[in-house]
């Protein structure tokens, strides 16, 4: 995608660049279409959308994993707390005080 640029005039990095950042999305600039067609280069836009889509899919997968881990940790904490908490006083102990 040689025509798509971000701040500083550099071409948008290849897929191995790491996660797509909000700043990179805001700064992206597409080259103008040449010839009879007006507007942006369809190839550049398509390539950029593929990158955005891949990063979003990765983020949603990571988010699902975080929610799953969070649920597992909360369940483990509840189990630990129920095993290690003092039993509530019995009715007999409560009234005999």
N, C-alpha and C. Protein backbone atom coordinates (compact mmCIF):
# COMPACT_ATOMS: atom_id res chain seq x y z
N UNK A 1 0.85 -1.16 0.00
CA UNK A 1 0.00 0.00 0.00
C UNK A 1 0.90 1.22 0.00
N UNK A 2 1.49 1.45 -1.08
CA UNK A 2 2.49 2.50 -1.13
C UNK A 2 1.90 3.88 -1.03
N UNK A 3 0.63 4.08 -1.41
CA UNK A 3 0.06 5.41 -1.39
C UNK A 3 -0.53 5.81 -0.06
N UNK A 4 -0.89 4.85 0.76
CA UNK A 4 -1.47 5.19 2.06
C UNK A 4 -0.36 5.66 2.97
N UNK A 5 -0.59 6.79 3.62
CA UNK A 5 0.44 7.33 4.48
C UNK A 5 -0.13 7.70 5.83
N UNK A 6 0.73 7.79 6.78
CA UNK A 6 0.35 8.29 8.09
C UNK A 6 1.19 9.51 8.39
N UNK A 7 1.04 10.05 9.57
CA UNK A 7 1.77 11.27 9.90
C UNK A 7 3.25 11.11 9.63
N UNK A 8 3.86 12.17 9.19
CA UNK A 8 5.27 12.13 8.86
C UNK A 8 5.53 11.74 7.42
N UNK A 9 4.47 11.43 6.67
CA UNK A 9 4.62 11.11 5.27
C UNK A 9 5.14 9.71 4.98
N UNK A 10 5.28 8.90 6.00
CA UNK A 10 5.78 7.53 5.79
C UNK A 10 4.63 6.63 5.37
N UNK A 11 4.93 5.65 4.52
CA UNK A 11 3.90 4.69 4.10
C UNK A 11 3.46 3.88 5.31
N UNK A 12 2.22 3.47 5.32
CA UNK A 12 1.70 2.68 6.44
C UNK A 12 2.49 1.38 6.52
N UNK A 13 2.91 0.98 7.71
CA UNK A 13 3.77 -0.19 7.85
C UNK A 13 3.07 -1.49 7.44
N UNK A 14 3.86 -2.49 7.15
CA UNK A 14 3.35 -3.80 6.77
C UNK A 14 2.71 -4.50 7.96
N UNK A 15 2.12 -5.65 7.74
CA UNK A 15 1.36 -6.40 8.75
C UNK A 15 2.19 -6.70 10.00
N UNK A 16 3.48 -6.89 9.90
CA UNK A 16 4.31 -7.23 11.04
C UNK A 16 4.57 -6.05 11.96
N UNK A 17 3.89 -4.96 11.78
CA UNK A 17 4.15 -3.71 12.48
C UNK A 17 3.63 -3.70 13.90
N UNK A 18 2.87 -4.66 14.34
CA UNK A 18 2.26 -4.61 15.65
C UNK A 18 0.81 -4.17 15.53
N UNK A 19 0.21 -3.84 16.64
CA UNK A 19 -1.21 -3.50 16.67
C UNK A 19 -1.49 -2.17 16.01
N UNK A 20 -2.58 -2.10 15.29
CA UNK A 20 -3.04 -0.86 14.70
C UNK A 20 -3.53 0.05 15.82
N UNK A 21 -3.03 1.27 15.86
CA UNK A 21 -3.39 2.19 16.93
C UNK A 21 -4.46 3.17 16.45
N UNK A 22 -5.24 3.73 17.39
CA UNK A 22 -6.21 4.75 17.00
C UNK A 22 -5.55 5.94 16.31
N UNK A 23 -4.35 6.30 16.75
CA UNK A 23 -3.64 7.42 16.14
C UNK A 23 -3.32 7.13 14.67
N UNK A 24 -2.92 5.89 14.39
CA UNK A 24 -2.61 5.51 13.01
C UNK A 24 -3.85 5.56 12.14
N UNK A 25 -4.99 5.14 12.68
CA UNK A 25 -6.24 5.19 11.92
C UNK A 25 -6.61 6.64 11.62
N UNK A 26 -6.49 7.50 12.62
CA UNK A 26 -6.83 8.91 12.42
C UNK A 26 -5.90 9.59 11.42
N UNK A 27 -4.65 9.16 11.37
CA UNK A 27 -3.65 9.83 10.54
C UNK A 27 -3.54 9.26 9.13
N UNK A 28 -4.20 8.16 8.85
CA UNK A 28 -4.05 7.52 7.55
C UNK A 28 -4.52 8.44 6.43
N UNK A 29 -3.75 8.47 5.35
CA UNK A 29 -4.10 9.25 4.17
C UNK A 29 -3.98 8.34 2.96
N UNK A 30 -4.98 8.31 2.11
CA UNK A 30 -4.97 7.48 0.92
C UNK A 30 -4.62 8.32 -0.30
N UNK A 31 -3.94 7.71 -1.24
CA UNK A 31 -3.61 8.42 -2.48
C UNK A 31 -4.87 8.58 -3.31
N UNK A 32 -4.88 9.57 -4.11
CA UNK A 32 -5.99 9.81 -5.02
C UNK A 32 -5.93 8.84 -6.17
N UNK A 33 -7.07 8.43 -6.64
CA UNK A 33 -7.16 7.54 -7.78
C UNK A 33 -6.70 8.29 -9.03
N UNK A 34 -6.04 7.59 -9.91
CA UNK A 34 -5.57 8.24 -11.14
C UNK A 34 -6.42 7.80 -12.32
N UNK A 35 -6.31 8.50 -13.39
CA UNK A 35 -7.03 8.13 -14.60
C UNK A 35 -8.44 8.65 -14.60
N UNK A 36 -9.35 7.84 -15.12
CA UNK A 36 -10.74 8.25 -15.29
C UNK A 36 -11.52 8.26 -13.97
N UNK A 37 -11.08 7.46 -13.02
CA UNK A 37 -11.81 7.35 -11.76
C UNK A 37 -11.41 8.47 -10.80
N UNK A 38 -12.37 8.99 -10.10
CA UNK A 38 -12.09 10.04 -9.12
C UNK A 38 -12.18 9.43 -7.73
N UNK A 39 -11.55 10.05 -6.77
CA UNK A 39 -11.65 9.59 -5.39
C UNK A 39 -10.37 8.91 -4.93
N UNK A 40 -10.53 7.99 -3.98
CA UNK A 40 -9.39 7.32 -3.36
C UNK A 40 -9.05 6.04 -4.11
N UNK A 41 -7.83 5.58 -3.92
CA UNK A 41 -7.39 4.33 -4.52
C UNK A 41 -8.12 3.17 -3.84
N UNK A 42 -8.90 2.44 -4.59
CA UNK A 42 -9.67 1.32 -4.04
C UNK A 42 -8.74 0.27 -3.44
N UNK A 43 -7.60 0.04 -4.06
CA UNK A 43 -6.65 -0.94 -3.53
C UNK A 43 -6.14 -0.53 -2.16
N UNK A 44 -5.79 0.73 -1.99
CA UNK A 44 -5.31 1.22 -0.69
C UNK A 44 -6.38 1.09 0.38
N UNK A 45 -7.59 1.49 0.04
CA UNK A 45 -8.69 1.43 1.01
C UNK A 45 -8.96 -0.02 1.40
N UNK A 46 -9.00 -0.92 0.42
CA UNK A 46 -9.26 -2.34 0.68
C UNK A 46 -8.18 -2.92 1.59
N UNK A 47 -6.92 -2.61 1.30
CA UNK A 47 -5.82 -3.11 2.12
C UNK A 47 -5.92 -2.59 3.56
N UNK A 48 -6.21 -1.31 3.70
CA UNK A 48 -6.34 -0.71 5.03
C UNK A 48 -7.50 -1.36 5.80
N UNK A 49 -8.62 -1.56 5.14
CA UNK A 49 -9.77 -2.18 5.81
C UNK A 49 -9.46 -3.61 6.24
N UNK A 50 -8.67 -4.32 5.46
CA UNK A 50 -8.25 -5.66 5.86
C UNK A 50 -7.41 -5.61 7.13
N UNK A 51 -6.52 -4.62 7.23
CA UNK A 51 -5.70 -4.46 8.43
C UNK A 51 -6.57 -4.13 9.65
N UNK A 52 -7.50 -3.19 9.47
CA UNK A 52 -8.39 -2.80 10.57
C UNK A 52 -9.22 -4.01 11.01
N UNK A 53 -9.74 -4.74 10.04
CA UNK A 53 -10.56 -5.92 10.34
C UNK A 53 -9.77 -6.97 11.11
N UNK A 54 -8.54 -7.24 10.68
CA UNK A 54 -7.69 -8.23 11.36
C UNK A 54 -7.39 -7.80 12.79
N UNK A 55 -7.06 -6.52 12.98
CA UNK A 55 -6.77 -6.05 14.34
C UNK A 55 -8.00 -6.09 15.22
N UNK A 56 -9.16 -5.73 14.67
CA UNK A 56 -10.39 -5.78 15.46
C UNK A 56 -10.71 -7.22 15.86
N UNK A 57 -10.55 -8.16 14.94
CA UNK A 57 -10.80 -9.57 15.26
C UNK A 57 -9.86 -10.03 16.37
N UNK A 58 -8.60 -9.62 16.29
CA UNK A 58 -7.63 -9.98 17.32
C UNK A 58 -8.03 -9.39 18.68
N UNK A 59 -8.46 -8.14 18.67
CA UNK A 59 -8.88 -7.49 19.92
C UNK A 59 -10.10 -8.19 20.53
N UNK A 60 -11.07 -8.56 19.70
CA UNK A 60 -12.24 -9.25 20.22
C UNK A 60 -11.88 -10.63 20.77
N UNK A 61 -10.95 -11.32 20.12
CA UNK A 61 -10.48 -12.61 20.65
C UNK A 61 -9.80 -12.42 22.00
N UNK A 62 -8.94 -11.41 22.09
CA UNK A 62 -8.26 -11.13 23.36
C UNK A 62 -9.25 -10.73 24.45
N UNK A 63 -10.25 -9.93 24.09
CA UNK A 63 -11.25 -9.50 25.05
C UNK A 63 -12.04 -10.70 25.57
N UNK A 64 -12.41 -11.61 24.68
CA UNK A 64 -13.13 -12.81 25.11
C UNK A 64 -12.27 -13.64 26.06
N UNK A 65 -10.97 -13.74 25.78
CA UNK A 65 -10.07 -14.48 26.66
C UNK A 65 -9.96 -13.81 28.02
N UNK A 66 -9.92 -12.49 28.04
CA UNK A 66 -9.85 -11.75 29.31
C UNK A 66 -11.12 -11.96 30.12
N UNK A 67 -12.28 -11.89 29.48
CA UNK A 67 -13.54 -12.13 30.19
C UNK A 67 -13.59 -13.54 30.75
N UNK A 68 -13.12 -14.51 29.98
CA UNK A 68 -13.10 -15.89 30.44
C UNK A 68 -12.17 -16.05 31.65
N UNK A 69 -10.98 -15.47 31.56
CA UNK A 69 -10.03 -15.55 32.67
C UNK A 69 -10.59 -14.83 33.90
N UNK A 70 -11.22 -13.69 33.69
CA UNK A 70 -11.83 -12.95 34.80
C UNK A 70 -12.89 -13.81 35.50
N UNK A 71 -13.72 -14.46 34.71
CA UNK A 71 -14.76 -15.32 35.28
C UNK A 71 -14.13 -16.47 36.07
N UNK A 72 -13.07 -17.09 35.51
CA UNK A 72 -12.40 -18.20 36.18
C UNK A 72 -11.78 -17.74 37.50
N UNK A 73 -11.14 -16.58 37.50
CA UNK A 73 -10.50 -16.07 38.72
C UNK A 73 -11.54 -15.73 39.78
N UNK A 74 -12.64 -15.10 39.38
CA UNK A 74 -13.70 -14.78 40.34
C UNK A 74 -14.29 -16.04 40.96
N UNK A 75 -14.50 -17.07 40.15
CA UNK A 75 -15.03 -18.33 40.67
C UNK A 75 -14.04 -18.96 41.65
N UNK A 76 -12.76 -18.94 41.31
CA UNK A 76 -11.74 -19.50 42.20
C UNK A 76 -11.68 -18.72 43.51
N UNK A 77 -11.80 -17.41 43.44
CA UNK A 77 -11.80 -16.58 44.65
C UNK A 77 -13.00 -16.89 45.53
N UNK A 78 -14.17 -17.02 44.91
CA UNK A 78 -15.37 -17.37 45.70
C UNK A 78 -15.20 -18.72 46.39
N UNK A 79 -14.65 -19.70 45.67
CA UNK A 79 -14.40 -21.02 46.26
C UNK A 79 -13.43 -20.93 47.42
N UNK A 80 -12.34 -20.18 47.22
CA UNK A 80 -11.34 -20.03 48.28
C UNK A 80 -11.95 -19.34 49.49
N UNK A 81 -12.72 -18.28 49.26
CA UNK A 81 -13.33 -17.55 50.37
C UNK A 81 -14.31 -18.43 51.13
N UNK A 82 -15.08 -19.23 50.42
CA UNK A 82 -16.05 -20.08 51.13
C UNK A 82 -15.35 -21.18 51.93
N UNK A 83 -14.19 -21.65 51.48
CA UNK A 83 -13.45 -22.68 52.21
C UNK A 83 -12.71 -22.11 53.41
N UNK A 84 -12.32 -20.85 53.36
CA UNK A 84 -11.48 -20.27 54.40
C UNK A 84 -12.19 -19.26 55.29
N UNK A 85 -13.44 -19.07 55.09
CA UNK A 85 -14.15 -18.13 55.96
C UNK A 85 -14.67 -18.87 57.19
N UNK A 86 -14.80 -18.15 58.27
CA UNK A 86 -15.32 -18.76 59.51
C UNK A 86 -16.80 -19.07 59.31
N UNK A 87 -17.22 -20.22 59.80
CA UNK A 87 -18.64 -20.55 59.65
C UNK A 87 -19.48 -19.58 60.47
N UNK A 88 -20.67 -19.29 60.00
CA UNK A 88 -21.53 -18.38 60.77
C UNK A 88 -21.90 -19.03 62.10
N UNK A 89 -22.08 -18.23 63.12
CA UNK A 89 -22.43 -18.81 64.43
C UNK A 89 -23.78 -19.51 64.34
N UNK A 90 -23.89 -20.63 65.04
CA UNK A 90 -25.16 -21.37 65.02
C UNK A 90 -26.18 -20.61 65.86
N UNK A 91 -27.40 -20.93 65.70
CA UNK A 91 -28.48 -20.27 66.45
C UNK A 91 -28.28 -20.47 67.96
N UNK A 92 -27.80 -21.65 68.36
CA UNK A 92 -27.57 -21.92 69.76
C UNK A 92 -26.48 -21.01 70.33
N UNK A 93 -25.35 -20.90 69.60
CA UNK A 93 -24.26 -20.06 70.04
C UNK A 93 -24.68 -18.60 70.11
N UNK A 94 -25.50 -18.17 69.20
CA UNK A 94 -25.94 -16.77 69.14
C UNK A 94 -26.80 -16.42 70.34
N UNK A 95 -27.72 -17.31 70.72
CA UNK A 95 -28.62 -17.03 71.84
C UNK A 95 -27.98 -17.27 73.20
N UNK A 96 -26.95 -18.07 73.26
CA UNK A 96 -26.33 -18.38 74.56
C UNK A 96 -25.36 -17.31 75.01
N UNK A 97 -25.10 -16.32 74.23
CA UNK A 97 -24.17 -15.26 74.62
C UNK A 97 -24.70 -14.35 75.64
